[in-house]
Amino acid sequence: MNPYVLLAGAIVSELVGTTALKLSDGFSNPLPSLGVVVGYGLAFYLVSLTLEDLPIGVVYGTWAALGIVGVAAIGVVVFDEPLDPAGAVGILLILGGVYCVNVLSEMTVH
């Protein structure tokens, strides 16, 4: 399978796990608590498969960066958290970094 598809699945799984973590109320709410375990467990499994084909710096950097961007978006949309201009610039810089590492650099196979 395409390693970038696996990486996308890992990112989505992490986003599910992190959103469930917010909803778990310190693991006192059973269903979201289960979502944390399943989401993070699947995310780490998919990352491990991705690492069979791509360099660790590319995989972890992309996973972490897009996780940050995704969680920030979920915070704004789902939890009505604020996003100020400095935060928006920071997110754009993160996205620019992911683009540079995955498209412009020679760190990975194109």
PDB file of N, CA and C in Angstrom:
ATOM      1  N   MET A   1       0.847  -1.188   0.000  1.00  0.00           N
ATOM      2  CA  MET A   1       0.000   0.000   0.000  1.00  0.00           C
ATOM      3  C   MET A   1       0.890   1.249   0.000  1.00  0.00           C
ATOM      4  N   ASN A   2       0.403   2.309  -0.583  1.00  0.00           N
ATOM      5  CA  ASN A   2       1.128   3.576  -0.638  1.00  0.00           C
ATOM      6  C   ASN A   2       1.416   4.071   0.782  1.00  0.00           C
ATOM      7  N   PRO A   3       2.683   4.347   1.095  1.00  0.00           N
ATOM      8  CA  PRO A   3       3.002   4.780   2.464  1.00  0.00           C
ATOM      9  C   PRO A   3       2.341   6.095   2.857  1.00  0.00           C
ATOM     10  N   TYR A   4       2.067   6.947   1.891  1.00  0.00           N
ATOM     11  CA  TYR A   4       1.404   8.207   2.224  1.00  0.00           C
ATOM     12  C   TYR A   4      -0.075   7.999   2.579  1.00  0.00           C
ATOM     13  N   VAL A   5      -0.684   6.964   2.026  1.00  0.00           N
ATOM     14  CA  VAL A   5      -2.057   6.612   2.420  1.00  0.00           C
ATOM     15  C   VAL A   5      -2.043   6.105   3.857  1.00  0.00           C
ATOM     16  N   LEU A   6      -1.061   5.269   4.183  1.00  0.00           N
ATOM     17  CA  LEU A   6      -0.921   4.784   5.562  1.00  0.00           C
ATOM     18  C   LEU A   6      -0.664   5.940   6.521  1.00  0.00           C
ATOM     19  N   LEU A   7       0.180   6.874   6.107  1.00  0.00           N
ATOM     20  CA  LEU A   7       0.475   8.031   6.948  1.00  0.00           C
ATOM     21  C   LEU A   7      -0.770   8.889   7.149  1.00  0.00           C
ATOM     22  N   ALA A   8      -1.551   9.069   6.107  1.00  0.00           N
ATOM     23  CA  ALA A   8      -2.808   9.820   6.239  1.00  0.00           C
ATOM     24  C   ALA A   8      -3.739   9.120   7.223  1.00  0.00           C
ATOM     25  N   GLY A   9      -3.801   7.796   7.145  1.00  0.00           N
ATOM     26  CA  GLY A   9      -4.614   7.041   8.099  1.00  0.00           C
ATOM     27  C   GLY A   9      -4.119   7.207   9.524  1.00  0.00           C
ATOM     28  N   ALA A  10      -2.805   7.239   9.690  1.00  0.00           N
ATOM     29  CA  ALA A  10      -2.227   7.448  11.023  1.00  0.00           C
ATOM     30  C   ALA A  10      -2.590   8.827  11.564  1.00  0.00           C
ATOM     31  N   ILE A  11      -2.551   9.826  10.702  1.00  0.00           N
ATOM     32  CA  ILE A  11      -2.882  11.190  11.129  1.00  0.00           C
ATOM     33  C   ILE A  11      -4.347  11.279  11.523  1.00  0.00           C
ATOM     34  N   VAL A  12      -5.220  10.715  10.713  1.00  0.00           N
ATOM     35  CA  VAL A  12      -6.656  10.732  11.033  1.00  0.00           C
ATOM     36  C   VAL A  12      -6.908   9.982  12.339  1.00  0.00           C
ATOM     37  N   SER A  13      -6.251   8.836  12.521  1.00  0.00           N
ATOM     38  CA  SER A  13      -6.418   8.073  13.758  1.00  0.00           C
ATOM     39  C   SER A  13      -5.953   8.859  14.969  1.00  0.00           C
ATOM     40  N   GLU A  14      -4.845   9.572  14.820  1.00  0.00           N
ATOM     41  CA  GLU A  14      -4.367  10.401  15.919  1.00  0.00           C
ATOM     42  C   GLU A  14      -5.362  11.515  16.233  1.00  0.00           C
ATOM     43  N   LEU A  15      -5.933  12.110  15.200  1.00  0.00           N
ATOM     44  CA  LEU A  15      -6.919  13.173  15.413  1.00  0.00           C
ATOM     45  C   LEU A  15      -8.143  12.641  16.146  1.00  0.00           C
ATOM     46  N   VAL A  16      -8.577  11.440  15.787  1.00  0.00           N
ATOM     47  CA  VAL A  16      -9.696  10.810  16.493  1.00  0.00           C
ATOM     48  C   VAL A  16      -9.314  10.578  17.949  1.00  0.00           C
ATOM     49  N   GLY A  17      -8.131  10.036  18.181  1.00  0.00           N
ATOM     50  CA  GLY A  17      -7.673   9.774  19.546  1.00  0.00           C
ATOM     51  C   GLY A  17      -7.546  11.035  20.374  1.00  0.00           C
ATOM     52  N   THR A  18      -7.031  12.091  19.784  1.00  0.00           N
ATOM     53  CA  THR A  18      -6.856  13.341  20.517  1.00  0.00           C
ATOM     54  C   THR A  18      -8.191  14.010  20.810  1.00  0.00           C
ATOM     55  N   THR A  19      -9.099  13.961  19.856  1.00  0.00           N
ATOM     56  CA  THR A  19     -10.440  14.506  20.091  1.00  0.00           C
ATOM     57  C   THR A  19     -11.145  13.715  21.190  1.00  0.00           C
ATOM     58  N   ALA A  20     -11.007  12.398  21.151  1.00  0.00           N
ATOM     59  CA  ALA A  20     -11.594  11.563  22.198  1.00  0.00           C
ATOM     60  C   ALA A  20     -10.960  11.871  23.556  1.00  0.00           C
ATOM     61  N   LEU A  21      -9.664  12.183  23.558  1.00  0.00           N
ATOM     62  CA  LEU A  21      -8.983  12.535  24.809  1.00  0.00           C
ATOM     63  C   LEU A  21      -9.604  13.775  25.436  1.00  0.00           C
ATOM     64  N   LYS A  22      -9.910  14.755  24.613  1.00  0.00           N
ATOM     65  CA  LYS A  22     -10.571  15.973  25.107  1.00  0.00           C
ATOM     66  C   LYS A  22     -11.950  15.631  25.684  1.00  0.00           C
ATOM     67  N   LEU A  23     -12.657  14.720  25.024  1.00  0.00           N
ATOM     68  CA  LEU A  23     -14.013  14.359  25.443  1.00  0.00           C
ATOM     69  C   LEU A  23     -14.052  13.358  26.602  1.00  0.00           C
ATOM     70  N   SER A  24     -12.913  12.745  26.918  1.00  0.00           N
ATOM     71  CA  SER A  24     -12.894  11.690  27.939  1.00  0.00           C
ATOM     72  C   SER A  24     -13.008  12.199  29.368  1.00  0.00           C
ATOM     73  N   ASP A  25     -12.845  13.497  29.565  1.00  0.00           N
ATOM     74  CA  ASP A  25     -12.906  14.077  30.917  1.00  0.00           C
ATOM     75  C   ASP A  25     -11.972  13.350  31.885  1.00  0.00           C
ATOM     76  N   GLY A  26     -10.701  13.307  31.502  1.00  0.00           N
ATOM     77  CA  GLY A  26      -9.715  12.663  32.370  1.00  0.00           C
ATOM     78  C   GLY A  26      -9.937  11.163  32.482  1.00  0.00           C
ATOM     79  N   PHE A  27     -10.385  10.544  31.423  1.00  0.00           N
ATOM     80  CA  PHE A  27     -10.679   9.116  31.338  1.00  0.00           C
ATOM     81  C   PHE A  27     -11.835   8.696  32.247  1.00  0.00           C
ATOM     82  N   SER A  28     -12.687   9.624  32.613  1.00  0.00           N
ATOM     83  CA  SER A  28     -13.853   9.281  33.425  1.00  0.00           C
ATOM     84  C   SER A  28     -15.069   8.942  32.559  1.00  0.00           C
ATOM     85  N   ASN A  29     -15.006   9.240  31.280  1.00  0.00           N
ATOM     86  CA  ASN A  29     -16.096   8.941  30.344  1.00  0.00           C
ATOM     87  C   ASN A  29     -15.652   7.735  29.501  1.00  0.00           C
ATOM     88  N   PRO A  30     -16.291   6.567  29.677  1.00  0.00           N
ATOM     89  CA  PRO A  30     -15.775   5.330  29.080  1.00  0.00           C
ATOM     90  C   PRO A  30     -15.681   5.310  27.549  1.00  0.00           C
ATOM     91  N   LEU A  31     -16.704   5.767  26.844  1.00  0.00           N
ATOM     92  CA  LEU A  31     -16.679   5.658  25.382  1.00  0.00           C
ATOM     93  C   LEU A  31     -15.558   6.499  24.753  1.00  0.00           C
ATOM     94  N   PRO A  32     -15.436   7.775  25.108  1.00  0.00           N
ATOM     95  CA  PRO A  32     -14.292   8.516  24.565  1.00  0.00           C
ATOM     96  C   PRO A  32     -12.947   7.954  25.030  1.00  0.00           C
ATOM     97  N   SER A  33     -12.898   7.404  26.230  1.00  0.00           N
ATOM     98  CA  SER A  33     -11.651   6.797  26.709  1.00  0.00           C
ATOM     99  C   SER A  33     -11.246   5.631  25.819  1.00  0.00           C
ATOM    100  N   LEU A  34     -12.218   4.831  25.398  1.00  0.00           N
ATOM    101  CA  LEU A  34     -11.949   3.745  24.459  1.00  0.00           C
ATOM    102  C   LEU A  34     -11.473   4.312  23.123  1.00  0.00           C
ATOM    103  N   GLY A  35     -12.055   5.426  22.701  1.00  0.00           N
ATOM    104  CA  GLY A  35     -11.634   6.085  21.463  1.00  0.00           C
ATOM    105  C   GLY A  35     -10.184   6.539  21.509  1.00  0.00           C
ATOM    106  N   VAL A  36      -9.725   6.949  22.690  1.00  0.00           N
ATOM    107  CA  VAL A  36      -8.319   7.341  22.857  1.00  0.00           C
ATOM    108  C   VAL A  36      -7.412   6.146  22.593  1.00  0.00           C
ATOM    109  N   VAL A  37      -7.709   5.042  23.227  1.00  0.00           N
ATOM    110  CA  VAL A  37      -6.872   3.846  23.113  1.00  0.00           C
ATOM    111  C   VAL A  37      -6.874   3.318  21.673  1.00  0.00           C
ATOM    112  N   VAL A  38      -8.053   3.227  21.073  1.00  0.00           N
ATOM    113  CA  VAL A  38      -8.159   2.715  19.707  1.00  0.00           C
ATOM    114  C   VAL A  38      -7.508   3.688  18.718  1.00  0.00           C
ATOM    115  N   GLY A  39      -7.805   4.975  18.866  1.00  0.00           N
ATOM    116  CA  GLY A  39      -7.244   5.971  17.948  1.00  0.00           C
ATOM    117  C   GLY A  39      -5.732   6.013  17.974  1.00  0.00           C
ATOM    118  N   TYR A  40      -5.156   6.100  19.178  1.00  0.00           N
ATOM    119  CA  TYR A  40      -3.694   6.147  19.271  1.00  0.00           C
ATOM    120  C   TYR A  40      -3.056   4.812  18.908  1.00  0.00           C
ATOM    121  N   GLY A  41      -3.701   3.707  19.305  1.00  0.00           N
ATOM    122  CA  GLY A  41      -3.156   2.397  18.949  1.00  0.00           C
ATOM    123  C   GLY A  41      -3.079   2.213  17.439  1.00  0.00           C
ATOM    124  N   LEU A  42      -4.155   2.550  16.739  1.00  0.00           N
ATOM    125  CA  LEU A  42      -4.167   2.445  15.282  1.00  0.00           C
ATOM    126  C   LEU A  42      -3.166   3.412  14.655  1.00  0.00           C
ATOM    127  N   ALA A  43      -3.066   4.611  15.217  1.00  0.00           N
ATOM    128  CA  ALA A  43      -2.124   5.602  14.675  1.00  0.00           C
ATOM    129  C   ALA A  43      -0.688   5.080  14.743  1.00  0.00           C
ATOM    130  N   PHE A  44      -0.292   4.541  15.881  1.00  0.00           N
ATOM    131  CA  PHE A  44       1.079   4.028  16.017  1.00  0.00           C
ATOM    132  C   PHE A  44       1.314   2.818  15.115  1.00  0.00           C
ATOM    133  N   TYR A  45       0.309   1.966  14.973  1.00  0.00           N
ATOM    134  CA  TYR A  45       0.448   0.819  14.076  1.00  0.00           C
ATOM    135  C   TYR A  45       0.665   1.290  12.640  1.00  0.00           C
ATOM    136  N   LEU A  46      -0.152   2.231  12.186  1.00  0.00           N
ATOM    137  CA  LEU A  46      -0.023   2.726  10.811  1.00  0.00           C
ATOM    138  C   LEU A  46       1.295   3.463  10.598  1.00  0.00           C
ATOM    139  N   VAL A  47       1.750   4.200  11.593  1.00  0.00           N
ATOM    140  CA  VAL A  47       3.062   4.853  11.475  1.00  0.00           C
ATOM    141  C   VAL A  47       4.160   3.804  11.348  1.00  0.00           C
ATOM    142  N   SER A  48       4.050   2.721  12.113  1.00  0.00           N
ATOM    143  CA  SER A  48       5.072   1.673  12.025  1.00  0.00           C
ATOM    144  C   SER A  48       5.132   1.071  10.628  1.00  0.00           C
ATOM    145  N   LEU A  49       3.978   0.920   9.984  1.00  0.00           N
ATOM    146  CA  LEU A  49       3.969   0.416   8.601  1.00  0.00           C
ATOM    147  C   LEU A  49       4.561   1.435   7.640  1.00  0.00           C
ATOM    148  N   THR A  50       4.273   2.701   7.872  1.00  0.00           N
ATOM    149  CA  THR A  50       4.798   3.765   7.019  1.00  0.00           C
ATOM    150  C   THR A  50       6.326   3.808   7.083  1.00  0.00           C
ATOM    151  N   LEU A  51       6.862   3.541   8.264  1.00  0.00           N
ATOM    152  CA  LEU A  51       8.316   3.593   8.452  1.00  0.00           C
ATOM    153  C   LEU A  51       9.052   2.500   7.688  1.00  0.00           C
ATOM    154  N   GLU A  52       8.326   1.510   7.187  1.00  0.00           N
ATOM    155  CA  GLU A  52       8.970   0.482   6.365  1.00  0.00           C
ATOM    156  C   GLU A  52       9.412   1.040   5.013  1.00  0.00           C
ATOM    157  N   ASP A  53       8.767   2.138   4.564  1.00  0.00           N
ATOM    158  CA  ASP A  53       9.043   2.673   3.227  1.00  0.00           C
ATOM    159  C   ASP A  53       9.598   4.088   3.192  1.00  0.00           C
ATOM    160  N   LEU A  54       9.386   4.852   4.250  1.00  0.00           N
ATOM    161  CA  LEU A  54       9.813   6.255   4.251  1.00  0.00           C
ATOM    162  C   LEU A  54      10.759   6.531   5.413  1.00  0.00           C
ATOM    163  N   PRO A  55      11.625   7.532   5.277  1.00  0.00           N
ATOM    164  CA  PRO A  55      12.556   7.884   6.350  1.00  0.00           C
ATOM    165  C   PRO A  55      11.818   8.395   7.596  1.00  0.00           C
ATOM    166  N   ILE A  56      12.381   8.105   8.746  1.00  0.00           N
ATOM    167  CA  ILE A  56      11.746   8.453  10.012  1.00  0.00           C
ATOM    168  C   ILE A  56      11.544   9.961  10.162  1.00  0.00           C
ATOM    169  N   GLY A  57      12.475  10.769   9.692  1.00  0.00           N
ATOM    170  CA  GLY A  57      12.334  12.219   9.806  1.00  0.00           C
ATOM    171  C   GLY A  57      11.147  12.744   9.020  1.00  0.00           C
ATOM    172  N   VAL A  58      10.954  12.205   7.836  1.00  0.00           N
ATOM    173  CA  VAL A  58       9.826  12.608   6.995  1.00  0.00           C
ATOM    174  C   VAL A  58       8.523  12.154   7.624  1.00  0.00           C
ATOM    175  N   VAL A  59       8.473  10.896   8.049  1.00  0.00           N
ATOM    176  CA  VAL A  59       7.246  10.336   8.619  1.00  0.00           C
ATOM    177  C   VAL A  59       6.856  11.062   9.896  1.00  0.00           C
ATOM    178  N   TYR A  60       7.773  11.137  10.842  1.00  0.00           N
ATOM    179  CA  TYR A  60       7.416  11.727  12.129  1.00  0.00           C
ATOM    180  C   TYR A  60       7.154  13.226  11.996  1.00  0.00           C
ATOM    181  N   GLY A  61       7.950  13.898  11.191  1.00  0.00           N
ATOM    182  CA  GLY A  61       7.732  15.334  10.989  1.00  0.00           C
ATOM    183  C   GLY A  61       6.379  15.623  10.370  1.00  0.00           C
ATOM    184  N   THR A  62       6.015  14.844   9.367  1.00  0.00           N
ATOM    185  CA  THR A  62       4.725  15.042   8.703  1.00  0.00           C
ATOM    186  C   THR A  62       3.578  14.680   9.637  1.00  0.00           C
ATOM    187  N   TRP A  63       3.712  13.564  10.330  1.00  0.00           N
ATOM    188  CA  TRP A  63       2.672  13.097  11.259  1.00  0.00           C
ATOM    189  C   TRP A  63       2.437  14.133  12.358  1.00  0.00           C
ATOM    190  N   ALA A  64       3.518  14.592  12.960  1.00  0.00           N
ATOM    191  CA  ALA A  64       3.395  15.566  14.044  1.00  0.00           C
ATOM    192  C   ALA A  64       2.839  16.898  13.543  1.00  0.00           C
ATOM    193  N   ALA A  65       3.368  17.378  12.432  1.00  0.00           N
ATOM    194  CA  ALA A  65       2.946  18.688  11.912  1.00  0.00           C
ATOM    195  C   ALA A  65       1.482  18.691  11.494  1.00  0.00           C
ATOM    196  N   LEU A  66       1.080  17.691  10.731  1.00  0.00           N
ATOM    197  CA  LEU A  66      -0.312  17.671  10.284  1.00  0.00           C
ATOM    198  C   LEU A  66      -1.256  17.337  11.438  1.00  0.00           C
ATOM    199  N   GLY A  67      -0.746  16.635  12.439  1.00  0.00           N
ATOM    200  CA  GLY A  67      -1.531  16.425  13.651  1.00  0.00           C
ATOM    201  C   GLY A  67      -1.795  17.739  14.369  1.00  0.00           C
ATOM    202  N   ILE A  68      -0.783  18.589  14.452  1.00  0.00           N
ATOM    203  CA  ILE A  68      -0.945  19.903  15.084  1.00  0.00           C
ATOM    204  C   ILE A  68      -1.982  20.729  14.326  1.00  0.00           C
ATOM    205  N   VAL A  69      -1.842  20.775  13.016  1.00  0.00           N
ATOM    206  CA  VAL A  69      -2.767  21.557  12.197  1.00  0.00           C
ATOM    207  C   VAL A  69      -4.188  21.005  12.324  1.00  0.00           C
ATOM    208  N   GLY A  70      -4.324  19.690  12.262  1.00  0.00           N
ATOM    209  CA  GLY A  70      -5.641  19.071  12.361  1.00  0.00           C
ATOM    210  C   GLY A  70      -6.295  19.293  13.709  1.00  0.00           C
ATOM    211  N   VAL A  71      -5.523  19.150  14.774  1.00  0.00           N
ATOM    212  CA  VAL A  71      -6.075  19.359  16.118  1.00  0.00           C
ATOM    213  C   VAL A  71      -6.452  20.819  16.318  1.00  0.00           C
ATOM    214  N   ALA A  72      -5.665  21.722  15.789  1.00  0.00           N
ATOM    215  CA  ALA A  72      -6.019  23.145  15.879  1.00  0.00           C
ATOM    216  C   ALA A  72      -7.335  23.411  15.146  1.00  0.00           C
ATOM    217  N   ALA A  73      -7.502  22.811  13.983  1.00  0.00           N
ATOM    218  CA  ALA A  73      -8.750  22.989  13.220  1.00  0.00           C
ATOM    219  C   ALA A  73      -9.937  22.386  13.967  1.00  0.00           C
ATOM    220  N   ILE A  74      -9.751  21.216  14.545  1.00  0.00           N
ATOM    221  CA  ILE A  74     -10.818  20.591  15.336  1.00  0.00           C
ATOM    222  C   ILE A  74     -11.160  21.468  16.532  1.00  0.00           C
ATOM    223  N   GLY A  75     -10.143  22.020  17.169  1.00  0.00           N
ATOM    224  CA  GLY A  75     -10.386  22.918  18.306  1.00  0.00           C
ATOM    225  C   GLY A  75     -11.244  24.108  17.916  1.00  0.00           C
ATOM    226  N   VAL A  76     -10.964  24.691  16.774  1.00  0.00           N
ATOM    227  CA  VAL A  76     -11.722  25.857  16.307  1.00  0.00           C
ATOM    228  C   VAL A  76     -13.145  25.459  15.930  1.00  0.00           C
ATOM    229  N   VAL A  77     -13.281  24.394  15.148  1.00  0.00           N
ATOM    230  CA  VAL A  77     -14.588  24.022  14.600  1.00  0.00           C
ATOM    231  C   VAL A  77     -15.477  23.314  15.633  1.00  0.00           C
ATOM    232  N   VAL A  78     -14.925  22.349  16.349  1.00  0.00           N
ATOM    233  CA  VAL A  78     -15.734  21.516  17.235  1.00  0.00           C
ATOM    234  C   VAL A  78     -15.861  22.111  18.635  1.00  0.00           C
ATOM    235  N   PHE A  79     -14.763  22.658  19.154  1.00  0.00           N
ATOM    236  CA  PHE A  79     -14.749  23.118  20.541  1.00  0.00           C
ATOM    237  C   PHE A  79     -14.797  24.641  20.679  1.00  0.00           C
ATOM    238  N   ASP A  80     -14.987  25.326  19.568  1.00  0.00           N
ATOM    239  CA  ASP A  80     -15.129  26.785  19.556  1.00  0.00           C
ATOM    240  C   ASP A  80     -13.941  27.491  20.220  1.00  0.00           C
ATOM    241  N   GLU A  81     -12.747  26.965  19.976  1.00  0.00           N
ATOM    242  CA  GLU A  81     -11.527  27.575  20.505  1.00  0.00           C
ATOM    243  C   GLU A  81     -11.060  28.676  19.555  1.00  0.00           C
ATOM    244  N   PRO A  82     -10.458  29.720  20.083  1.00  0.00           N
ATOM    245  CA  PRO A  82     -10.058  30.845  19.218  1.00  0.00           C
ATOM    246  C   PRO A  82      -8.794  30.541  18.403  1.00  0.00           C
ATOM    247  N   LEU A  83      -8.701  31.206  17.266  1.00  0.00           N
ATOM    248  CA  LEU A  83      -7.486  31.181  16.452  1.00  0.00           C
ATOM    249  C   LEU A  83      -7.166  32.623  16.094  1.00  0.00           C
ATOM    250  N   ASP A  84      -6.071  33.127  16.622  1.00  0.00           N
ATOM    251  CA  ASP A  84      -5.703  34.511  16.344  1.00  0.00           C
ATOM    252  C   ASP A  84      -4.765  34.565  15.136  1.00  0.00           C
ATOM    253  N   PRO A  85      -4.453  35.770  14.653  1.00  0.00           N
ATOM    254  CA  PRO A  85      -3.593  35.886  13.468  1.00  0.00           C
ATOM    255  C   PRO A  85      -2.221  35.233  13.633  1.00  0.00           C
ATOM    256  N   ALA A  86      -1.620  35.356  14.809  1.00  0.00           N
ATOM    257  CA  ALA A  86      -0.310  34.729  15.021  1.00  0.00           C
ATOM    258  C   ALA A  86      -0.422  33.210  14.918  1.00  0.00           C
ATOM    259  N   GLY A  87      -1.505  32.653  15.447  1.00  0.00           N
ATOM    260  CA  GLY A  87      -1.724  31.217  15.342  1.00  0.00           C
ATOM    261  C   GLY A  87      -1.914  30.783  13.901  1.00  0.00           C
ATOM    262  N   ALA A  88      -2.649  31.572  13.134  1.00  0.00           N
ATOM    263  CA  ALA A  88      -2.865  31.264  11.723  1.00  0.00           C
ATOM    264  C   ALA A  88      -1.550  31.296  10.946  1.00  0.00           C
ATOM    265  N   VAL A  89      -0.704  32.282  11.237  1.00  0.00           N
ATOM    266  CA  VAL A  89       0.608  32.354  10.585  1.00  0.00           C
ATOM    267  C   VAL A  89       1.444  31.141  10.957  1.00  0.00           C
ATOM    268  N   GLY A  90       1.414  30.761  12.227  1.00  0.00           N
ATOM    269  CA  GLY A  90       2.155  29.580  12.667  1.00  0.00           C
ATOM    270  C   GLY A  90       1.697  28.327  11.944  1.00  0.00           C
ATOM    271  N   ILE A  91       0.403  28.163  11.788  1.00  0.00           N
ATOM    272  CA  ILE A  91      -0.131  27.004  11.067  1.00  0.00           C
ATOM    273  C   ILE A  91       0.308  27.021   9.610  1.00  0.00           C
ATOM    274  N   LEU A  92       0.286  28.189   8.981  1.00  0.00           N
ATOM    275  CA  LEU A  92       0.758  28.283   7.593  1.00  0.00           C
ATOM    276  C   LEU A  92       2.237  27.933   7.485  1.00  0.00           C
ATOM    277  N   LEU A  93       3.034  28.340   8.473  1.00  0.00           N
ATOM    278  CA  LEU A  93       4.456  27.984   8.473  1.00  0.00           C
ATOM    279  C   LEU A  93       4.648  26.472   8.626  1.00  0.00           C
ATOM    280  N   ILE A  94       3.840  25.856   9.481  1.00  0.00           N
ATOM    281  CA  ILE A  94       3.908  24.402   9.642  1.00  0.00           C
ATOM    282  C   ILE A  94       3.592  23.719   8.315  1.00  0.00           C
ATOM    283  N   LEU A  95       2.522  24.146   7.654  1.00  0.00           N
ATOM    284  CA  LEU A  95       2.156  23.563   6.368  1.00  0.00           C
ATOM    285  C   LEU A  95       3.252  23.772   5.329  1.00  0.00           C
ATOM    286  N   GLY A  96       3.881  24.948   5.355  1.00  0.00           N
ATOM    287  CA  GLY A  96       5.002  25.199   4.450  1.00  0.00           C
ATOM    288  C   GLY A  96       6.158  24.255   4.717  1.00  0.00           C
ATOM    289  N   GLY A  97       6.426  23.978   5.974  1.00  0.00           N
ATOM    290  CA  GLY A  97       7.485  23.040   6.327  1.00  0.00           C
ATOM    291  C   GLY A  97       7.193  21.634   5.841  1.00  0.00           C
ATOM    292  N   VAL A  98       5.953  21.192   5.983  1.00  0.00           N
ATOM    293  CA  VAL A  98       5.567  19.868   5.496  1.00  0.00           C
ATOM    294  C   VAL A  98       5.750  19.800   3.983  1.00  0.00           C
ATOM    295  N   TYR A  99       5.356  20.853   3.286  1.00  0.00           N
ATOM    296  CA  TYR A  99       5.535  20.902   1.832  1.00  0.00           C
ATOM    297  C   TYR A  99       7.020  20.811   1.463  1.00  0.00           C
ATOM    298  N   CYS A 100       7.841  21.580   2.143  1.00  0.00           N
ATOM    299  CA  CYS A 100       9.279  21.577   1.842  1.00  0.00           C
ATOM    300  C   CYS A 100       9.893  20.194   2.052  1.00  0.00           C
ATOM    301  N   VAL A 101       9.566  19.557   3.170  1.00  0.00           N
ATOM    302  CA  VAL A 101      10.154  18.259   3.483  1.00  0.00           C
ATOM    303  C   VAL A 101       9.674  17.179   2.510  1.00  0.00           C
ATOM    304  N   ASN A 102       8.393  17.204   2.170  1.00  0.00           N
ATOM    305  CA  ASN A 102       7.832  16.129   1.357  1.00  0.00           C
ATOM    306  C   ASN A 102       7.941  16.346  -0.144  1.00  0.00           C
ATOM    307  N   VAL A 103       8.039  17.597  -0.590  1.00  0.00           N
ATOM    308  CA  VAL A 103       8.023  17.865  -2.028  1.00  0.00           C
ATOM    309  C   VAL A 103       9.357  18.426  -2.525  1.00  0.00           C
ATOM    310  N   LEU A 104       9.902  19.383  -1.831  1.00  0.00           N
ATOM    311  CA  LEU A 104      11.094  20.065  -2.329  1.00  0.00           C
ATOM    312  C   LEU A 104      12.410  19.399  -1.939  1.00  0.00           C
ATOM    313  N   SER A 105      12.452  18.792  -0.765  1.00  0.00           N
ATOM    314  CA  SER A 105      13.715  18.216  -0.304  1.00  0.00           C
ATOM    315  C   SER A 105      13.965  16.850  -0.939  1.00  0.00           C
ATOM    316  N   GLU A 106      15.175  16.381  -0.755  1.00  0.00           N
ATOM    317  CA  GLU A 106      15.537  15.047  -1.233  1.00  0.00           C
ATOM    318  C   GLU A 106      15.535  14.043  -0.084  1.00  0.00           C
ATOM    319  N   MET A 107      14.820  14.371   1.007  1.00  0.00           N
ATOM    320  CA  MET A 107      14.755  13.484   2.153  1.00  0.00           C
ATOM    321  C   MET A 107      13.945  12.219   1.856  1.00  0.00           C
ATOM    322  N   THR A 108      13.067  12.299   0.873  1.00  0.00           N
ATOM    323  CA  THR A 108      12.196  11.174   0.553  1.00  0.00           C
ATOM    324  C   THR A 108      12.184  10.936  -0.939  1.00  0.00           C
ATOM    325  N   VAL A 109      11.668   9.804  -1.329  1.00  0.00           N
ATOM    326  CA  VAL A 109      11.556   9.462  -2.753  1.00  0.00           C
ATOM    327  C   VAL A 109      10.380  10.216  -3.344  1.00  0.00           C
ATOM    328  N   HIS A 110      10.562  10.840  -4.490  1.00  0.00           N
ATOM    329  CA  HIS A 110       9.487  11.598  -5.146  1.00  0.00           C
ATOM    330  C   HIS A 110       8.859  10.799  -6.247  1.00  0.00           C
TER     331      HIS A 110
END
